[in-house]
Amino acid sequence: MSERDESLKRLMDSIFIDKALRARRRSIDEKMLDGPKLFEDCCLLMRSGIRSQFPGYTDEQVEKEFRRRLEIRRRIYEAGIYKNVGVLNE
């Protein structure tokens, strides 16, 4: 590993550790509010992706496609099609 790669790895590790320590210091109330915030961020990203995929869509069309995709996700979840099986050994 080059010196530059090693330096970058140390920086990335430092950032990760800092984030983990900050997360541990947060109150349970703050942590509970993260769920809705993360969901809203994901919704914004999904809508942005739809706008990128279909640049001619109106806001109504974007919202209709967004809700269609959420419904597909809900059906997949309820059907149990994808399940977490843990890590597979190679």
N, C-alpha and C. Protein backbone atom coordinates (compact mmCIF):
# COMPACT_ATOMS: atom_id res chain seq x y z
N MET A 1 0.86 -1.18 0.00
CA MET A 1 0.00 0.00 0.00
C MET A 1 0.90 1.24 0.00
N SER A 2 0.58 2.18 -0.87
CA SER A 2 1.41 3.38 -0.96
C SER A 2 1.21 4.28 0.26
N GLU A 3 2.14 5.19 0.45
CA GLU A 3 2.05 6.12 1.57
C GLU A 3 0.77 6.95 1.49
N ARG A 4 0.41 7.34 0.27
CA ARG A 4 -0.81 8.14 0.07
C ARG A 4 -2.05 7.32 0.44
N ASP A 5 -2.08 6.06 0.03
CA ASP A 5 -3.21 5.18 0.36
C ASP A 5 -3.29 4.97 1.88
N GLU A 6 -2.15 4.78 2.50
CA GLU A 6 -2.10 4.58 3.95
C GLU A 6 -2.61 5.83 4.67
N SER A 7 -2.22 7.00 4.20
CA SER A 7 -2.66 8.26 4.79
C SER A 7 -4.17 8.43 4.63
N LEU A 8 -4.66 8.08 3.46
CA LEU A 8 -6.09 8.18 3.21
C LEU A 8 -6.86 7.21 4.11
N LYS A 9 -6.34 6.01 4.29
CA LYS A 9 -6.98 5.02 5.16
C LYS A 9 -7.04 5.53 6.60
N ARG A 10 -5.95 6.11 7.09
CA ARG A 10 -5.93 6.65 8.45
C ARG A 10 -6.97 7.76 8.61
N LEU A 11 -7.07 8.63 7.59
CA LEU A 11 -8.06 9.71 7.62
C LEU A 11 -9.48 9.15 7.65
N MET A 12 -9.75 8.16 6.80
CA MET A 12 -11.08 7.56 6.76
C MET A 12 -11.41 6.87 8.08
N ASP A 13 -10.45 6.18 8.66
CA ASP A 13 -10.66 5.53 9.96
C ASP A 13 -10.95 6.56 11.04
N SER A 14 -10.22 7.66 11.02
CA SER A 14 -10.41 8.73 11.99
C SER A 14 -11.81 9.33 11.88
N ILE A 15 -12.26 9.55 10.65
CA ILE A 15 -13.60 10.11 10.43
C ILE A 15 -14.66 9.13 10.93
N PHE A 16 -14.48 7.85 10.62
CA PHE A 16 -15.43 6.83 11.07
C PHE A 16 -15.52 6.79 12.60
N ILE A 17 -14.38 6.77 13.26
CA ILE A 17 -14.35 6.72 14.72
C ILE A 17 -15.02 7.95 15.31
N ASP A 18 -14.75 9.12 14.73
CA ASP A 18 -15.37 10.36 15.21
C ASP A 18 -16.89 10.28 15.08
N LYS A 19 -17.38 9.79 13.95
CA LYS A 19 -18.83 9.66 13.75
C LYS A 19 -19.43 8.71 14.78
N ALA A 20 -18.76 7.59 15.02
CA ALA A 20 -19.27 6.61 15.98
C ALA A 20 -19.32 7.20 17.39
N LEU A 21 -18.30 7.93 17.78
CA LEU A 21 -18.28 8.54 19.11
C LEU A 21 -19.37 9.60 19.25
N ARG A 22 -19.58 10.40 18.20
CA ARG A 22 -20.65 11.40 18.24
C ARG A 22 -22.01 10.71 18.34
N ALA A 23 -22.21 9.62 17.62
CA ALA A 23 -23.48 8.90 17.66
C ALA A 23 -23.74 8.35 19.07
N ARG A 24 -22.72 7.86 19.72
CA ARG A 24 -22.89 7.31 21.07
C ARG A 24 -23.28 8.38 22.09
N ARG A 25 -22.85 9.62 21.85
CA ARG A 25 -23.16 10.71 22.79
C ARG A 25 -24.57 11.25 22.63
N ARG A 26 -25.23 10.92 21.56
CA ARG A 26 -26.56 11.46 21.30
C ARG A 26 -27.58 10.83 22.25
N SER A 27 -28.60 11.60 22.58
CA SER A 27 -29.66 11.09 23.46
C SER A 27 -30.55 10.13 22.68
N ILE A 28 -31.32 9.34 23.42
CA ILE A 28 -32.24 8.40 22.78
C ILE A 28 -33.29 9.16 21.97
N ASP A 29 -33.70 10.33 22.44
CA ASP A 29 -34.67 11.14 21.70
C ASP A 29 -34.13 11.55 20.34
N GLU A 30 -32.86 11.96 20.31
CA GLU A 30 -32.25 12.34 19.03
C GLU A 30 -32.16 11.14 18.09
N LYS A 31 -31.80 10.00 18.66
CA LYS A 31 -31.69 8.79 17.85
C LYS A 31 -33.05 8.37 17.30
N MET A 32 -34.11 8.53 18.09
CA MET A 32 -35.45 8.16 17.64
C MET A 32 -35.92 9.05 16.50
N LEU A 33 -35.48 10.29 16.49
CA LEU A 33 -35.88 11.21 15.43
C LEU A 33 -35.12 10.95 14.13
N ASP A 34 -34.04 10.20 14.21
CA ASP A 34 -33.26 9.92 13.00
C ASP A 34 -34.04 9.10 11.98
N GLY A 35 -34.89 8.19 12.43
CA GLY A 35 -35.65 7.35 11.51
C GLY A 35 -36.48 8.16 10.53
N PRO A 36 -37.36 9.03 11.03
CA PRO A 36 -38.15 9.86 10.11
C PRO A 36 -37.29 10.77 9.23
N LYS A 37 -36.20 11.29 9.79
CA LYS A 37 -35.32 12.15 8.99
C LYS A 37 -34.68 11.36 7.85
N LEU A 38 -34.21 10.15 8.16
CA LEU A 38 -33.59 9.32 7.13
C LEU A 38 -34.61 8.92 6.07
N PHE A 39 -35.84 8.61 6.50
CA PHE A 39 -36.89 8.26 5.55
C PHE A 39 -37.17 9.44 4.63
N GLU A 40 -37.27 10.62 5.18
CA GLU A 40 -37.54 11.81 4.36
C GLU A 40 -36.39 12.05 3.38
N ASP A 41 -35.16 11.87 3.83
CA ASP A 41 -34.01 12.02 2.93
C ASP A 41 -34.08 11.00 1.79
N CYS A 42 -34.45 9.77 2.11
CA CYS A 42 -34.58 8.74 1.08
C CYS A 42 -35.68 9.09 0.09
N CYS A 43 -36.78 9.62 0.60
CA CYS A 43 -37.88 10.03 -0.28
C CYS A 43 -37.42 11.13 -1.24
N LEU A 44 -36.67 12.09 -0.73
CA LEU A 44 -36.15 13.16 -1.59
C LEU A 44 -35.23 12.60 -2.66
N LEU A 45 -34.38 11.64 -2.27
CA LEU A 45 -33.49 11.01 -3.24
C LEU A 45 -34.26 10.23 -4.30
N MET A 46 -35.29 9.51 -3.86
CA MET A 46 -36.10 8.76 -4.81
C MET A 46 -36.77 9.70 -5.80
N ARG A 47 -37.34 10.78 -5.30
CA ARG A 47 -38.00 11.74 -6.20
C ARG A 47 -37.00 12.37 -7.16
N SER A 48 -35.82 12.67 -6.67
CA SER A 48 -34.77 13.23 -7.54
C SER A 48 -34.38 12.23 -8.61
N GLY A 49 -34.28 10.97 -8.24
CA GLY A 49 -33.94 9.93 -9.20
C GLY A 49 -35.01 9.79 -10.27
N ILE A 50 -36.27 9.89 -9.86
CA ILE A 50 -37.37 9.81 -10.82
C ILE A 50 -37.32 11.00 -11.78
N ARG A 51 -37.05 12.18 -11.24
CA ARG A 51 -36.94 13.38 -12.09
C ARG A 51 -35.78 13.24 -13.08
N SER A 52 -34.71 12.63 -12.63
CA SER A 52 -33.56 12.42 -13.50
C SER A 52 -33.89 11.40 -14.59
N GLN A 53 -34.59 10.34 -14.20
CA GLN A 53 -34.95 9.29 -15.15
C GLN A 53 -36.00 9.76 -16.14
N PHE A 54 -36.92 10.60 -15.67
CA PHE A 54 -38.02 11.10 -16.51
C PHE A 54 -38.06 12.63 -16.44
N PRO A 55 -37.14 13.31 -17.12
CA PRO A 55 -37.03 14.76 -17.00
C PRO A 55 -38.30 15.53 -17.43
N GLY A 56 -39.15 14.93 -18.23
CA GLY A 56 -40.36 15.61 -18.68
C GLY A 56 -41.54 15.47 -17.74
N TYR A 57 -41.38 14.70 -16.66
CA TYR A 57 -42.50 14.48 -15.74
C TYR A 57 -42.87 15.75 -14.99
N THR A 58 -44.16 15.92 -14.79
CA THR A 58 -44.65 17.00 -13.93
C THR A 58 -44.49 16.56 -12.48
N ASP A 59 -44.71 17.47 -11.55
CA ASP A 59 -44.64 17.12 -10.13
C ASP A 59 -45.64 16.02 -9.79
N GLU A 60 -46.83 16.09 -10.39
CA GLU A 60 -47.85 15.07 -10.15
C GLU A 60 -47.39 13.70 -10.64
N GLN A 61 -46.77 13.65 -11.80
CA GLN A 61 -46.29 12.39 -12.36
C GLN A 61 -45.15 11.82 -11.51
N VAL A 62 -44.27 12.70 -11.03
CA VAL A 62 -43.18 12.26 -10.15
C VAL A 62 -43.77 11.64 -8.89
N GLU A 63 -44.76 12.30 -8.30
CA GLU A 63 -45.37 11.80 -7.07
C GLU A 63 -46.08 10.47 -7.31
N LYS A 64 -46.75 10.34 -8.45
CA LYS A 64 -47.45 9.08 -8.78
C LYS A 64 -46.45 7.94 -8.92
N GLU A 65 -45.33 8.19 -9.61
CA GLU A 65 -44.30 7.16 -9.77
C GLU A 65 -43.64 6.83 -8.44
N PHE A 66 -43.41 7.84 -7.63
CA PHE A 66 -42.84 7.65 -6.29
C PHE A 66 -43.73 6.72 -5.46
N ARG A 67 -45.01 6.99 -5.45
CA ARG A 67 -45.95 6.17 -4.67
C ARG A 67 -46.06 4.76 -5.25
N ARG A 68 -45.97 4.63 -6.57
CA ARG A 68 -46.00 3.33 -7.20
C ARG A 68 -44.81 2.49 -6.73
N ARG A 69 -43.65 3.12 -6.68
CA ARG A 69 -42.45 2.41 -6.25
C ARG A 69 -42.50 2.03 -4.78
N LEU A 70 -43.05 2.91 -3.95
CA LEU A 70 -43.22 2.57 -2.53
C LEU A 70 -44.17 1.38 -2.37
N GLU A 71 -45.21 1.35 -3.17
CA GLU A 71 -46.16 0.25 -3.12
C GLU A 71 -45.50 -1.06 -3.52
N ILE A 72 -44.66 -1.02 -4.55
CA ILE A 72 -43.93 -2.22 -4.95
C ILE A 72 -43.05 -2.70 -3.80
N ARG A 73 -42.37 -1.78 -3.16
CA ARG A 73 -41.50 -2.13 -2.03
C ARG A 73 -42.30 -2.76 -0.90
N ARG A 74 -43.49 -2.20 -0.62
CA ARG A 74 -44.34 -2.74 0.44
C ARG A 74 -44.77 -4.16 0.10
N ARG A 75 -45.17 -4.40 -1.13
CA ARG A 75 -45.61 -5.74 -1.54
C ARG A 75 -44.47 -6.76 -1.43
N ILE A 76 -43.28 -6.35 -1.84
CA ILE A 76 -42.12 -7.24 -1.74
C ILE A 76 -41.86 -7.59 -0.28
N TYR A 77 -41.92 -6.59 0.59
CA TYR A 77 -41.68 -6.80 2.02
C TYR A 77 -42.72 -7.75 2.61
N GLU A 78 -43.99 -7.48 2.31
CA GLU A 78 -45.06 -8.30 2.87
C GLU A 78 -45.04 -9.73 2.34
N ALA A 79 -44.59 -9.90 1.11
CA ALA A 79 -44.52 -11.25 0.53
C ALA A 79 -43.32 -12.03 1.05
N GLY A 80 -42.40 -11.34 1.70
CA GLY A 80 -41.22 -12.01 2.24
C GLY A 80 -40.28 -12.51 1.15
N ILE A 81 -40.30 -11.84 0.01
CA ILE A 81 -39.47 -12.27 -1.12
C ILE A 81 -37.99 -12.15 -0.78
N TYR A 82 -37.61 -11.04 -0.17
CA TYR A 82 -36.21 -10.83 0.20
C TYR A 82 -36.10 -10.95 1.71
N LYS A 83 -35.22 -11.82 2.15
CA LYS A 83 -35.02 -12.01 3.58
C LYS A 83 -33.54 -11.91 3.90
N ASN A 84 -33.23 -11.35 5.05
CA ASN A 84 -31.86 -11.25 5.51
C ASN A 84 -31.45 -12.63 6.01
N VAL A 85 -30.47 -13.22 5.32
CA VAL A 85 -30.00 -14.55 5.72
C VAL A 85 -28.62 -14.50 6.37
N GLY A 86 -28.16 -13.29 6.61
CA GLY A 86 -26.84 -13.13 7.21
C GLY A 86 -25.75 -13.22 6.17
N VAL A 87 -24.55 -13.49 6.62
CA VAL A 87 -23.41 -13.58 5.74
C VAL A 87 -23.24 -15.01 5.27
N LEU A 88 -23.12 -15.19 3.98
CA LEU A 88 -22.90 -16.52 3.42
C LEU A 88 -21.42 -16.82 3.37
N ASN A 89 -21.04 -18.02 3.77
CA ASN A 89 -19.64 -18.44 3.67
C ASN A 89 -19.33 -18.80 2.23
N GLU A 90 -18.14 -18.44 1.80
CA GLU A 90 -17.74 -18.76 0.43
C GLU A 90 -17.06 -20.09 0.36
